[in-house]
PDB file of N, CA and C in Angstrom:
ATOM      1  N   UNK A   1      44.931  99.964  12.567  1.00  0.00           N
ATOM      2  CA  UNK A   1      44.147  99.298  11.558  1.00  0.00           C
ATOM      3  C   UNK A   1      44.395  97.799  11.608  1.00  0.00           C
ATOM      4  N   UNK A   2      45.674  97.420  11.784  1.00  0.00           N
ATOM      5  CA  UNK A   2      46.027  96.012  11.837  1.00  0.00           C
ATOM      6  C   UNK A   2      45.345  95.345  13.023  1.00  0.00           C
ATOM      7  N   UNK A   3      45.337  96.033  14.202  1.00  0.00           N
ATOM      8  CA  UNK A   3      44.683  95.491  15.391  1.00  0.00           C
ATOM      9  C   UNK A   3      43.188  95.279  15.134  1.00  0.00           C
ATOM     10  N   UNK A   4      42.583  96.194  14.462  1.00  0.00           N
ATOM     11  CA  UNK A   4      41.150  96.083  14.154  1.00  0.00           C
ATOM     12  C   UNK A   4      40.851  94.866  13.305  1.00  0.00           C
ATOM     13  N   UNK A   5      41.683  94.604  12.299  1.00  0.00           N
ATOM     14  CA  UNK A   5      41.480  93.428  11.445  1.00  0.00           C
ATOM     15  C   UNK A   5      41.687  92.131  12.235  1.00  0.00           C
ATOM     16  N   UNK A   6      42.705  92.121  13.087  1.00  0.00           N
ATOM     17  CA  UNK A   6      42.973  90.927  13.896  1.00  0.00           C
ATOM     18  C   UNK A   6      41.796  90.672  14.846  1.00  0.00           C
ATOM     19  N   UNK A   7      41.309  91.716  15.505  1.00  0.00           N
ATOM     20  CA  UNK A   7      40.179  91.559  16.409  1.00  0.00           C
ATOM     21  C   UNK A   7      38.924  91.104  15.665  1.00  0.00           C
ATOM     22  N   UNK A   8      38.692  91.660  14.497  1.00  0.00           N
ATOM     23  CA  UNK A   8      37.554  91.251  13.686  1.00  0.00           C
ATOM     24  C   UNK A   8      37.676  89.773  13.304  1.00  0.00           C
ATOM     25  N   UNK A   9      38.859  89.369  12.883  1.00  0.00           N
ATOM     26  CA  UNK A   9      39.112  87.987  12.497  1.00  0.00           C
ATOM     27  C   UNK A   9      38.902  87.038  13.684  1.00  0.00           C
ATOM     28  N   UNK A  10      39.455  87.385  14.851  1.00  0.00           N
ATOM     29  CA  UNK A  10      39.297  86.551  16.037  1.00  0.00           C
ATOM     30  C   UNK A  10      37.830  86.504  16.493  1.00  0.00           C
ATOM     31  N   UNK A  11      37.155  87.610  16.420  1.00  0.00           N
ATOM     32  CA  UNK A  11      35.728  87.647  16.772  1.00  0.00           C
ATOM     33  C   UNK A  11      34.905  86.762  15.859  1.00  0.00           C
ATOM     34  N   UNK A  12      35.254  86.782  14.567  1.00  0.00           N
ATOM     35  CA  UNK A  12      34.546  85.935  13.602  1.00  0.00           C
ATOM     36  C   UNK A  12      34.745  84.461  13.927  1.00  0.00           C
ATOM     37  N   UNK A  13      35.947  84.077  14.293  1.00  0.00           N
ATOM     38  CA  UNK A  13      36.242  82.690  14.645  1.00  0.00           C
ATOM     39  C   UNK A  13      35.456  82.285  15.890  1.00  0.00           C
ATOM     40  N   UNK A  14      35.442  83.169  16.887  1.00  0.00           N
ATOM     41  CA  UNK A  14      34.710  82.860  18.116  1.00  0.00           C
ATOM     42  C   UNK A  14      33.213  82.733  17.866  1.00  0.00           C
ATOM     43  N   UNK A  15      32.674  83.576  17.030  1.00  0.00           N
ATOM     44  CA  UNK A  15      31.244  83.495  16.710  1.00  0.00           C
ATOM     45  C   UNK A  15      30.924  82.195  15.981  1.00  0.00           C
ATOM     46  N   UNK A  16      31.803  81.782  15.087  1.00  0.00           N
ATOM     47  CA  UNK A  16      31.576  80.551  14.329  1.00  0.00           C
ATOM     48  C   UNK A  16      31.738  79.320  15.211  1.00  0.00           C
ATOM     49  N   UNK A  17      32.538  79.413  16.255  1.00  0.00           N
ATOM     50  CA  UNK A  17      32.820  78.266  17.117  1.00  0.00           C
ATOM     51  C   UNK A  17      31.857  78.147  18.293  1.00  0.00           C
ATOM     52  N   UNK A  18      30.895  79.046  18.424  1.00  0.00           N
ATOM     53  CA  UNK A  18      29.978  78.973  19.564  1.00  0.00           C
ATOM     54  C   UNK A  18      29.123  77.710  19.456  1.00  0.00           C
ATOM     55  N   UNK A  19      28.732  77.160  20.586  1.00  0.00           N
ATOM     56  CA  UNK A  19      27.935  75.935  20.553  1.00  0.00           C
ATOM     57  C   UNK A  19      26.573  76.172  19.908  1.00  0.00           C
ATOM     58  N   UNK A  20      26.129  75.192  19.189  1.00  0.00           N
ATOM     59  CA  UNK A  20      24.828  75.257  18.531  1.00  0.00           C
ATOM     60  C   UNK A  20      23.796  74.687  19.496  1.00  0.00           C
ATOM     61  N   UNK A  21      22.695  75.386  19.721  1.00  0.00           N
ATOM     62  CA  UNK A  21      21.682  74.849  20.629  1.00  0.00           C
ATOM     63  C   UNK A  21      21.100  73.558  20.065  1.00  0.00           C
ATOM     64  N   UNK A  22      20.713  72.606  20.942  1.00  0.00           N
ATOM     65  CA  UNK A  22      20.162  71.346  20.457  1.00  0.00           C
ATOM     66  C   UNK A  22      18.842  71.563  19.733  1.00  0.00           C
ATOM     67  N   UNK A  23      18.566  70.692  18.784  1.00  0.00           N
ATOM     68  CA  UNK A  23      17.309  70.767  18.048  1.00  0.00           C
ATOM     69  C   UNK A  23      16.160  70.427  18.989  1.00  0.00           C
ATOM     70  N   UNK A  24      15.023  71.048  18.812  1.00  0.00           N
ATOM     71  CA  UNK A  24      13.891  70.724  19.684  1.00  0.00           C
ATOM     72  C   UNK A  24      13.473  69.275  19.503  1.00  0.00           C
ATOM     73  N   UNK A  25      13.035  68.644  20.605  1.00  0.00           N
ATOM     74  CA  UNK A  25      12.582  67.258  20.548  1.00  0.00           C
ATOM     75  C   UNK A  25      11.267  67.194  19.784  1.00  0.00           C
ATOM     76  N   UNK A  26      11.144  66.201  18.952  1.00  0.00           N
ATOM     77  CA  UNK A  26       9.887  66.006  18.244  1.00  0.00           C
ATOM     78  C   UNK A  26       9.206  64.768  18.809  1.00  0.00           C
ATOM     79  N   UNK A  27       7.907  64.762  18.753  1.00  0.00           N
ATOM     80  CA  UNK A  27       7.120  63.636  19.250  1.00  0.00           C
ATOM     81  C   UNK A  27       6.364  63.047  18.075  1.00  0.00           C
ATOM     82  N   UNK A  28       6.455  61.726  17.932  1.00  0.00           N
ATOM     83  CA  UNK A  28       5.678  61.067  16.890  1.00  0.00           C
ATOM     84  C   UNK A  28       4.224  61.067  17.324  1.00  0.00           C
ATOM     85  N   UNK A  29       3.372  61.596  16.495  1.00  0.00           N
ATOM     86  CA  UNK A  29       1.973  61.695  16.882  1.00  0.00           C
ATOM     87  C   UNK A  29       1.163  60.498  16.424  1.00  0.00           C
ATOM     88  N   UNK A  30       1.755  59.581  15.697  1.00  0.00           N
ATOM     89  CA  UNK A  30       0.977  58.459  15.184  1.00  0.00           C
ATOM     90  C   UNK A  30       0.525  57.515  16.282  1.00  0.00           C
ATOM     91  N   UNK A  31       1.217  57.456  17.394  1.00  0.00           N
ATOM     92  CA  UNK A  31       0.832  56.518  18.437  1.00  0.00           C
ATOM     93  C   UNK A  31       0.591  57.202  19.782  1.00  0.00           C
ATOM     94  N   UNK A  32       0.248  58.472  19.745  1.00  0.00           N
ATOM     95  CA  UNK A  32      -0.107  59.152  20.984  1.00  0.00           C
ATOM     96  C   UNK A  32      -1.471  58.654  21.440  1.00  0.00           C
ATOM     97  N   UNK A  33      -1.765  58.765  22.718  1.00  0.00           N
ATOM     98  CA  UNK A  33      -3.085  58.358  23.183  1.00  0.00           C
ATOM     99  C   UNK A  33      -4.173  59.071  22.379  1.00  0.00           C
ATOM    100  N   UNK A  34      -5.237  58.358  22.116  1.00  0.00           N
ATOM    101  CA  UNK A  34      -6.315  58.903  21.291  1.00  0.00           C
ATOM    102  C   UNK A  34      -7.171  59.922  22.025  1.00  0.00           C
ATOM    103  N   UNK A  35      -8.109  60.524  21.296  1.00  0.00           N
ATOM    104  CA  UNK A  35      -8.957  61.566  21.884  1.00  0.00           C
ATOM    105  C   UNK A  35      -9.862  61.030  22.998  1.00  0.00           C
ATOM    106  N   UNK A  36     -10.134  59.723  23.017  1.00  0.00           N
ATOM    107  CA  UNK A  36     -10.981  59.143  24.056  1.00  0.00           C
ATOM    108  C   UNK A  36     -10.204  58.791  25.315  1.00  0.00           C
ATOM    109  N   UNK A  37      -8.910  59.019  25.303  1.00  0.00           N
ATOM    110  CA  UNK A  37      -8.072  58.718  26.467  1.00  0.00           C
ATOM    111  C   UNK A  37      -8.086  59.937  27.387  1.00  0.00           C
ATOM    112  N   UNK A  38      -8.493  59.748  28.647  1.00  0.00           N
ATOM    113  CA  UNK A  38      -8.475  60.889  29.569  1.00  0.00           C
ATOM    114  C   UNK A  38      -7.063  61.473  29.674  1.00  0.00           C
ATOM    115  N   UNK A  39      -6.944  62.786  29.782  1.00  0.00           N
ATOM    116  CA  UNK A  39      -5.619  63.415  29.823  1.00  0.00           C
ATOM    117  C   UNK A  39      -4.691  62.841  30.891  1.00  0.00           C
ATOM    118  N   UNK A  40      -5.211  62.547  32.071  1.00  0.00           N
ATOM    119  CA  UNK A  40      -4.356  62.013  33.144  1.00  0.00           C
ATOM    120  C   UNK A  40      -3.797  60.641  32.754  1.00  0.00           C
ATOM    121  N   UNK A  41      -4.616  59.826  32.100  1.00  0.00           N
ATOM    122  CA  UNK A  41      -4.162  58.500  31.658  1.00  0.00           C
ATOM    123  C   UNK A  41      -3.194  58.658  30.498  1.00  0.00           C
ATOM    124  N   UNK A  42      -3.496  59.546  29.568  1.00  0.00           N
ATOM    125  CA  UNK A  42      -2.597  59.790  28.443  1.00  0.00           C
ATOM    126  C   UNK A  42      -1.213  60.199  28.902  1.00  0.00           C
ATOM    127  N   UNK A  43      -1.165  61.015  29.939  1.00  0.00           N
ATOM    128  CA  UNK A  43       0.123  61.429  30.500  1.00  0.00           C
ATOM    129  C   UNK A  43       0.901  60.226  31.014  1.00  0.00           C
ATOM    130  N   UNK A  44       0.216  59.319  31.704  1.00  0.00           N
ATOM    131  CA  UNK A  44       0.881  58.123  32.220  1.00  0.00           C
ATOM    132  C   UNK A  44       1.339  57.213  31.085  1.00  0.00           C
ATOM    133  N   UNK A  45       0.509  57.051  30.062  1.00  0.00           N
ATOM    134  CA  UNK A  45       0.870  56.195  28.930  1.00  0.00           C
ATOM    135  C   UNK A  45       2.123  56.718  28.224  1.00  0.00           C
ATOM    136  N   UNK A  46       2.221  58.028  28.119  1.00  0.00           N
ATOM    137  CA  UNK A  46       3.415  58.633  27.522  1.00  0.00           C
ATOM    138  C   UNK A  46       4.612  58.517  28.467  1.00  0.00           C
ATOM    139  N   UNK A  47       4.385  58.780  29.747  1.00  0.00           N
ATOM    140  CA  UNK A  47       5.461  58.753  30.742  1.00  0.00           C
ATOM    141  C   UNK A  47       6.165  57.403  30.777  1.00  0.00           C
ATOM    142  N   UNK A  48       5.387  56.330  30.723  1.00  0.00           N
ATOM    143  CA  UNK A  48       5.967  55.001  30.839  1.00  0.00           C
ATOM    144  C   UNK A  48       6.262  54.351  29.489  1.00  0.00           C
ATOM    145  N   UNK A  49       6.062  55.064  28.411  1.00  0.00           N
ATOM    146  CA  UNK A  49       6.417  54.552  27.090  1.00  0.00           C
ATOM    147  C   UNK A  49       5.427  53.552  26.520  1.00  0.00           C
ATOM    148  N   UNK A  50       4.245  53.475  27.073  1.00  0.00           N
ATOM    149  CA  UNK A  50       3.242  52.512  26.595  1.00  0.00           C
ATOM    150  C   UNK A  50       2.880  52.758  25.131  1.00  0.00           C
ATOM    151  N   UNK A  51       2.868  54.021  24.742  1.00  0.00           N
ATOM    152  CA  UNK A  51       2.458  54.372  23.388  1.00  0.00           C
ATOM    153  C   UNK A  51       3.488  53.993  22.335  1.00  0.00           C
ATOM    154  N   UNK A  52       4.661  53.545  22.760  1.00  0.00           N
ATOM    155  CA  UNK A  52       5.648  53.081  21.784  1.00  0.00           C
ATOM    156  C   UNK A  52       5.188  51.784  21.132  1.00  0.00           C
ATOM    157  N   UNK A  53       4.380  51.008  21.837  1.00  0.00           N
ATOM    158  CA  UNK A  53       3.948  49.708  21.327  1.00  0.00           C
ATOM    159  C   UNK A  53       2.439  49.557  21.207  1.00  0.00           C
ATOM    160  N   UNK A  54       1.668  50.410  21.867  1.00  0.00           N
ATOM    161  CA  UNK A  54       0.206  50.280  21.877  1.00  0.00           C
ATOM    162  C   UNK A  54      -0.449  51.554  21.365  1.00  0.00           C
ATOM    163  N   UNK A  55      -1.530  51.379  20.605  1.00  0.00           N
ATOM    164  CA  UNK A  55      -2.309  52.499  20.068  1.00  0.00           C
ATOM    165  C   UNK A  55      -3.770  52.311  20.465  1.00  0.00           C
ATOM    166  N   UNK A  56      -4.590  53.351  20.336  1.00  0.00           N
ATOM    167  CA  UNK A  56      -5.988  53.238  20.752  1.00  0.00           C
ATOM    168  C   UNK A  56      -6.774  52.119  20.059  1.00  0.00           C
ATOM    169  N   UNK A  57      -6.674  52.022  18.737  1.00  0.00           N
ATOM    170  CA  UNK A  57      -7.536  51.060  18.053  1.00  0.00           C
ATOM    171  C   UNK A  57      -6.837  50.250  16.966  1.00  0.00           C
ATOM    172  N   UNK A  58      -5.538  50.364  16.859  1.00  0.00           N
ATOM    173  CA  UNK A  58      -4.838  49.595  15.827  1.00  0.00           C
ATOM    174  C   UNK A  58      -3.611  48.911  16.405  1.00  0.00           C
ATOM    175  N   UNK A  59      -3.257  47.818  15.788  1.00  0.00           N
ATOM    176  CA  UNK A  59      -2.090  47.047  16.212  1.00  0.00           C
ATOM    177  C   UNK A  59      -0.820  47.817  15.864  1.00  0.00           C
ATOM    178  N   UNK A  60       0.080  47.915  16.806  1.00  0.00           N
ATOM    179  CA  UNK A  60       1.424  48.428  16.533  1.00  0.00           C
ATOM    180  C   UNK A  60       2.355  47.250  16.780  1.00  0.00           C
ATOM    181  N   UNK A  61       3.272  47.386  17.699  1.00  0.00           N
ATOM    182  CA  UNK A  61       4.101  46.261  18.117  1.00  0.00           C
ATOM    183  C   UNK A  61       3.251  45.341  18.983  1.00  0.00           C
ATOM    184  N   UNK A  62       2.438  45.954  19.832  1.00  0.00           N
ATOM    185  CA  UNK A  62       1.545  45.211  20.716  1.00  0.00           C
ATOM    186  C   UNK A  62       0.103  45.464  20.347  1.00  0.00           C
ATOM    187  N   UNK A  63      -0.819  44.805  21.062  1.00  0.00           N
ATOM    188  CA  UNK A  63      -2.244  44.986  20.766  1.00  0.00           C
ATOM    189  C   UNK A  63      -2.722  46.392  21.115  1.00  0.00           C
ATOM    190  N   UNK A  64      -3.833  46.767  20.505  1.00  0.00           N
ATOM    191  CA  UNK A  64      -4.413  48.093  20.778  1.00  0.00           C
ATOM    192  C   UNK A  64      -5.053  48.099  22.153  1.00  0.00           C
ATOM    193  N   UNK A  65      -5.332  49.312  22.639  1.00  0.00           N
ATOM    194  CA  UNK A  65      -6.018  49.442  23.932  1.00  0.00           C
ATOM    195  C   UNK A  65      -7.378  48.760  23.855  1.00  0.00           C
ATOM    196  N   UNK A  66      -8.063  48.900  22.720  1.00  0.00           N
ATOM    197  CA  UNK A  66      -9.377  48.276  22.559  1.00  0.00           C
ATOM    198  C   UNK A  66      -9.278  46.756  22.611  1.00  0.00           C
ATOM    199  N   UNK A  67      -8.253  46.181  21.987  1.00  0.00           N
ATOM    200  CA  UNK A  67      -8.073  44.732  22.013  1.00  0.00           C
ATOM    201  C   UNK A  67      -7.767  44.231  23.423  1.00  0.00           C
ATOM    202  N   UNK A  68      -6.983  44.997  24.149  1.00  0.00           N
ATOM    203  CA  UNK A  68      -6.677  44.617  25.531  1.00  0.00           C
ATOM    204  C   UNK A  68      -7.950  44.662  26.369  1.00  0.00           C
ATOM    205  N   UNK A  69      -8.720  45.727  26.225  1.00  0.00           N
ATOM    206  CA  UNK A  69      -9.965  45.872  26.988  1.00  0.00           C
ATOM    207  C   UNK A  69     -10.961  44.760  26.635  1.00  0.00           C
ATOM    208  N   UNK A  70     -10.961  44.331  25.385  1.00  0.00           N
ATOM    209  CA  UNK A  70     -11.901  43.293  24.938  1.00  0.00           C
ATOM    210  C   UNK A  70     -11.657  41.951  25.627  1.00  0.00           C
ATOM    211  N   UNK A  71     -10.482  41.748  26.178  1.00  0.00           N
ATOM    212  CA  UNK A  71     -10.178  40.507  26.900  1.00  0.00           C
ATOM    213  C   UNK A  71     -10.933  40.425  28.226  1.00  0.00           C
ATOM    214  N   UNK A  72     -11.450  41.560  28.688  1.00  0.00           N
ATOM    215  CA  UNK A  72     -12.225  41.632  29.926  1.00  0.00           C
ATOM    216  C   UNK A  72     -11.456  41.119  31.146  1.00  0.00           C
ATOM    217  N   UNK A  73     -10.160  41.429  31.187  1.00  0.00           N
ATOM    218  CA  UNK A  73      -9.364  41.101  32.359  1.00  0.00           C
ATOM    219  C   UNK A  73      -9.788  41.992  33.522  1.00  0.00           C
ATOM    220  N   UNK A  74      -9.599  41.518  34.729  1.00  0.00           N
ATOM    221  CA  UNK A  74      -9.853  42.347  35.902  1.00  0.00           C
ATOM    222  C   UNK A  74      -8.718  43.363  36.043  1.00  0.00           C
ATOM    223  N   UNK A  75      -8.961  44.382  36.829  1.00  0.00           N
ATOM    224  CA  UNK A  75      -7.935  45.393  37.091  1.00  0.00           C
ATOM    225  C   UNK A  75      -6.689  44.737  37.682  1.00  0.00           C
ATOM    226  N   UNK A  76      -6.890  43.845  38.626  1.00  0.00           N
ATOM    227  CA  UNK A  76      -5.775  43.162  39.276  1.00  0.00           C
ATOM    228  C   UNK A  76      -4.974  42.339  38.256  1.00  0.00           C
ATOM    229  N   UNK A  77      -5.669  41.673  37.347  1.00  0.00           N
ATOM    230  CA  UNK A  77      -5.003  40.844  36.332  1.00  0.00           C
ATOM    231  C   UNK A  77      -4.191  41.717  35.369  1.00  0.00           C
ATOM    232  N   UNK A  78      -4.746  42.841  34.954  1.00  0.00           N
ATOM    233  CA  UNK A  78      -4.011  43.742  34.052  1.00  0.00           C
ATOM    234  C   UNK A  78      -2.758  44.260  34.741  1.00  0.00           C
ATOM    235  N   UNK A  79      -2.879  44.626  36.004  1.00  0.00           N
ATOM    236  CA  UNK A  79      -1.715  45.106  36.742  1.00  0.00           C
ATOM    237  C   UNK A  79      -0.631  44.027  36.787  1.00  0.00           C
ATOM    238  N   UNK A  80      -1.043  42.794  37.022  1.00  0.00           N
ATOM    239  CA  UNK A  80      -0.079  41.689  37.072  1.00  0.00           C
ATOM    240  C   UNK A  80       0.573  41.463  35.713  1.00  0.00           C
ATOM    241  N   UNK A  81      -0.211  41.554  34.648  1.00  0.00           N
ATOM    242  CA  UNK A  81       0.327  41.316  33.306  1.00  0.00           C
ATOM    243  C   UNK A  81       1.258  42.430  32.837  1.00  0.00           C
ATOM    244  N   UNK A  82       1.078  43.624  33.349  1.00  0.00           N
ATOM    245  CA  UNK A  82       1.989  44.717  32.986  1.00  0.00           C
ATOM    246  C   UNK A  82       3.351  44.485  33.635  1.00  0.00           C
ATOM    247  N   UNK A  83       3.337  44.034  34.884  1.00  0.00           N
ATOM    248  CA  UNK A  83       4.606  43.837  35.586  1.00  0.00           C
ATOM    249  C   UNK A  83       5.245  42.485  35.300  1.00  0.00           C
ATOM    250  N   UNK A  84       4.435  41.506  34.903  1.00  0.00           N
ATOM    251  CA  UNK A  84       4.969  40.184  34.563  1.00  0.00           C
ATOM    252  C   UNK A  84       4.147  39.622  33.400  1.00  0.00           C
ATOM    253  N   UNK A  85       4.468  40.049  32.178  1.00  0.00           N
ATOM    254  CA  UNK A  85       3.693  39.637  31.009  1.00  0.00           C
ATOM    255  C   UNK A  85       3.734  38.115  30.794  1.00  0.00           C
ATOM    256  N   UNK A  86       2.661  37.620  30.213  1.00  0.00           N
ATOM    257  CA  UNK A  86       2.564  36.214  29.834  1.00  0.00           C
ATOM    258  C   UNK A  86       2.327  36.173  28.327  1.00  0.00           C
ATOM    259  N   UNK A  87       3.386  35.949  27.537  1.00  0.00           N
ATOM    260  CA  UNK A  87       3.261  36.008  26.078  1.00  0.00           C
ATOM    261  C   UNK A  87       2.190  35.096  25.503  1.00  0.00           C
ATOM    262  N   UNK A  88       1.855  34.019  26.184  1.00  0.00           N
ATOM    263  CA  UNK A  88       0.827  33.109  25.684  1.00  0.00           C
ATOM    264  C   UNK A  88      -0.542  33.755  25.567  1.00  0.00           C
ATOM    265  N   UNK A  89      -0.766  34.863  26.277  1.00  0.00           N
ATOM    266  CA  UNK A  89      -2.051  35.566  26.187  1.00  0.00           C
ATOM    267  C   UNK A  89      -2.209  36.307  24.865  1.00  0.00           C
ATOM    268  N   UNK A  90      -1.104  36.562  24.194  1.00  0.00           N
ATOM    269  CA  UNK A  90      -1.148  37.343  22.963  1.00  0.00           C
ATOM    270  C   UNK A  90      -0.323  36.670  21.866  1.00  0.00           C
ATOM    271  N   UNK A  91      -0.784  35.533  21.351  1.00  0.00           N
ATOM    272  CA  UNK A  91      -0.033  34.885  20.260  1.00  0.00           C
ATOM    273  C   UNK A  91       0.013  35.803  19.036  1.00  0.00           C
ATOM    274  N   UNK A  92       1.124  35.763  18.352  1.00  0.00           N
ATOM    275  CA  UNK A  92       1.289  36.604  17.167  1.00  0.00           C
ATOM    276  C   UNK A  92       1.919  37.950  17.455  1.00  0.00           C
ATOM    277  N   UNK A  93       2.142  38.240  18.714  1.00  0.00           N
ATOM    278  CA  UNK A  93       2.802  39.483  19.104  1.00  0.00           C
ATOM    279  C   UNK A  93       4.141  39.150  19.744  1.00  0.00           C
ATOM    280  N   UNK A  94       5.129  40.036  19.607  1.00  0.00           N
ATOM    281  CA  UNK A  94       6.390  39.798  20.321  1.00  0.00           C
ATOM    282  C   UNK A  94       6.147  39.924  21.828  1.00  0.00           C
ATOM    283  N   UNK A  95       6.899  39.194  22.632  1.00  0.00           N
ATOM    284  CA  UNK A  95       6.682  39.285  24.082  1.00  0.00           C
ATOM    285  C   UNK A  95       6.978  40.682  24.611  1.00  0.00           C
ATOM    286  N   UNK A  96       6.123  41.134  25.501  1.00  0.00           N
ATOM    287  CA  UNK A  96       6.311  42.439  26.135  1.00  0.00           C
ATOM    288  C   UNK A  96       7.324  42.297  27.264  1.00  0.00           C
ATOM    289  N   UNK A  97       8.143  43.302  27.419  1.00  0.00           N
ATOM    290  CA  UNK A  97       9.070  43.338  28.548  1.00  0.00           C
ATOM    291  C   UNK A  97       8.309  43.702  29.813  1.00  0.00           C
ATOM    292  N   UNK A  98       8.733  43.136  30.924  1.00  0.00           N
ATOM    293  CA  UNK A  98       8.120  43.469  32.205  1.00  0.00           C
ATOM    294  C   UNK A  98       8.321  44.956  32.488  1.00  0.00           C
ATOM    295  N   UNK A  99       7.249  45.627  32.843  1.00  0.00           N
ATOM    296  CA  UNK A  99       7.299  47.063  33.103  1.00  0.00           C
ATOM    297  C   UNK A  99       7.433  47.286  34.610  1.00  0.00           C
ATOM    298  N   UNK A 100       8.643  47.170  35.091  1.00  0.00           N
ATOM    299  CA  UNK A 100       8.899  47.226  36.532  1.00  0.00           C
ATOM    300  C   UNK A 100       9.048  48.651  37.070  1.00  0.00           C
ATOM    301  N   UNK A 101       9.106  49.626  36.203  1.00  0.00           N
ATOM    302  CA  UNK A 101       9.282  51.013  36.670  1.00  0.00           C
ATOM    303  C   UNK A 101       7.954  51.719  36.920  1.00  0.00           C
ATOM    304  N   UNK A 102       6.852  51.108  36.531  1.00  0.00           N
ATOM    305  CA  UNK A 102       5.541  51.726  36.725  1.00  0.00           C
ATOM    306  C   UNK A 102       5.139  51.549  38.194  1.00  0.00           C
ATOM    307  N   UNK A 103       4.827  52.651  38.847  1.00  0.00           N
ATOM    308  CA  UNK A 103       4.448  52.565  40.255  1.00  0.00           C
ATOM    309  C   UNK A 103       3.118  51.834  40.408  1.00  0.00           C
ATOM    310  N   UNK A 104       2.893  51.274  41.583  1.00  0.00           N
ATOM    311  CA  UNK A 104       1.650  50.544  41.833  1.00  0.00           C
ATOM    312  C   UNK A 104       0.438  51.464  41.666  1.00  0.00           C
ATOM    313  N   UNK A 105       0.584  52.702  42.125  1.00  0.00           N
ATOM    314  CA  UNK A 105      -0.510  53.673  41.989  1.00  0.00           C
ATOM    315  C   UNK A 105      -0.834  53.921  40.512  1.00  0.00           C
ATOM    316  N   UNK A 106       0.203  54.140  39.708  1.00  0.00           N
ATOM    317  CA  UNK A 106      -0.017  54.391  38.282  1.00  0.00           C
ATOM    318  C   UNK A 106      -0.519  53.138  37.568  1.00  0.00           C
ATOM    319  N   UNK A 107      -0.036  51.967  37.981  1.00  0.00           N
ATOM    320  CA  UNK A 107      -0.553  50.713  37.426  1.00  0.00           C
ATOM    321  C   UNK A 107      -2.060  50.630  37.644  1.00  0.00           C
ATOM    322  N   UNK A 108      -2.479  50.976  38.846  1.00  0.00           N
ATOM    323  CA  UNK A 108      -3.901  50.942  39.161  1.00  0.00           C
ATOM    324  C   UNK A 108      -4.711  51.891  38.302  1.00  0.00           C
ATOM    325  N   UNK A 109      -4.182  53.056  38.054  1.00  0.00           N
ATOM    326  CA  UNK A 109      -4.890  54.031  37.216  1.00  0.00           C
ATOM    327  C   UNK A 109      -5.012  53.540  35.780  1.00  0.00           C
ATOM    328  N   UNK A 110      -3.912  53.023  35.233  1.00  0.00           N
ATOM    329  CA  UNK A 110      -3.929  52.532  33.845  1.00  0.00           C
ATOM    330  C   UNK A 110      -4.850  51.331  33.730  1.00  0.00           C
ATOM    331  N   UNK A 111      -4.715  50.367  34.641  1.00  0.00           N
ATOM    332  CA  UNK A 111      -5.543  49.161  34.595  1.00  0.00           C
ATOM    333  C   UNK A 111      -7.012  49.498  34.816  1.00  0.00           C
ATOM    334  N   UNK A 112      -7.285  50.417  35.733  1.00  0.00           N
ATOM    335  CA  UNK A 112      -8.666  50.837  35.975  1.00  0.00           C
ATOM    336  C   UNK A 112      -9.292  51.442  34.741  1.00  0.00           C
ATOM    337  N   UNK A 113      -8.540  52.209  34.000  1.00  0.00           N
ATOM    338  CA  UNK A 113      -9.033  52.793  32.761  1.00  0.00           C
ATOM    339  C   UNK A 113      -9.288  51.705  31.722  1.00  0.00           C
ATOM    340  N   UNK A 114      -8.366  50.740  31.608  1.00  0.00           N
ATOM    341  CA  UNK A 114      -8.519  49.677  30.604  1.00  0.00           C
ATOM    342  C   UNK A 114      -9.759  48.815  30.845  1.00  0.00           C
ATOM    343  N   UNK A 115     -10.103  48.565  32.088  1.00  0.00           N
ATOM    344  CA  UNK A 115     -11.287  47.733  32.329  1.00  0.00           C
ATOM    345  C   UNK A 115     -12.582  48.486  32.050  1.00  0.00           C
ATOM    346  N   UNK A 116     -12.511  49.816  31.944  1.00  0.00           N
ATOM    347  CA  UNK A 116     -13.711  50.623  31.700  1.00  0.00           C
ATOM    348  C   UNK A 116     -13.950  50.944  30.228  1.00  0.00           C
ATOM    349  N   UNK A 117     -12.940  50.750  29.385  1.00  0.00           N
ATOM    350  CA  UNK A 117     -13.154  51.113  27.969  1.00  0.00           C
ATOM    351  C   UNK A 117     -13.741  49.959  27.186  1.00  0.00           C
TER     352      UNK A 117
END
């Protein structure tokens, strides 16, 4: 009987000490790409963290996608500004960090989409 109580007690301790699985990651939906964003582009915008500062039609930290498109920059110019931002183009906004991790191929896709919206 004593062994049974000891085993029960030790089992209870082990069960209580087991690792807790991590909480599921949550995604803020307030700045996800909008419904007019093609899925392939939306994936890239999320992958590179663009949606942390830019939204489809409203100002966040940076200008909206619509405001960027309204500047009528060429695809080549947008690609250059993503990798080497020029804060003077956007007075009133904090300077954007150079996005050096975005591949040239993905830059082209994002910039190509921006010139078409």
